[in-house]
Amino acid sequence: MPETDNTNHTSPGPSPSPNPRSGTSRRGFASMDPEKQREIASKGGKAAHETGAAHEFTTEEAREAGRKGGKAVSQDREHMRTIGRKGGQA
């Protein structure tokens, strides 16, 4: 009986090794070093402000956002108990 070739025939060239952060790929924003992500995001934010495309909250919008966040957090009674205890220890 003839022997069969059981080698894995894939495309030639180096295969990308998985990124330790994502476990799957070395491509894309999420797989980058956090410092590199911050650098790129900072450039995007600056560019948005220069072109006028960035949203800047008014005092009233910021106040409303704070209210919504506080309301959402206060729904978690266990969390409120925990932060209340920490406040007494400070």
Foldseek 3Di string as FASTA:
>chain_A
DDDDDPDDDDDDDDDAQAQPVVRHDCDDLVSDDPVVNVVVVVVVVVVCVVVVNDDDDDPVRVVVVVVVVVVVQVVPVVSVVVVVVVVVVD
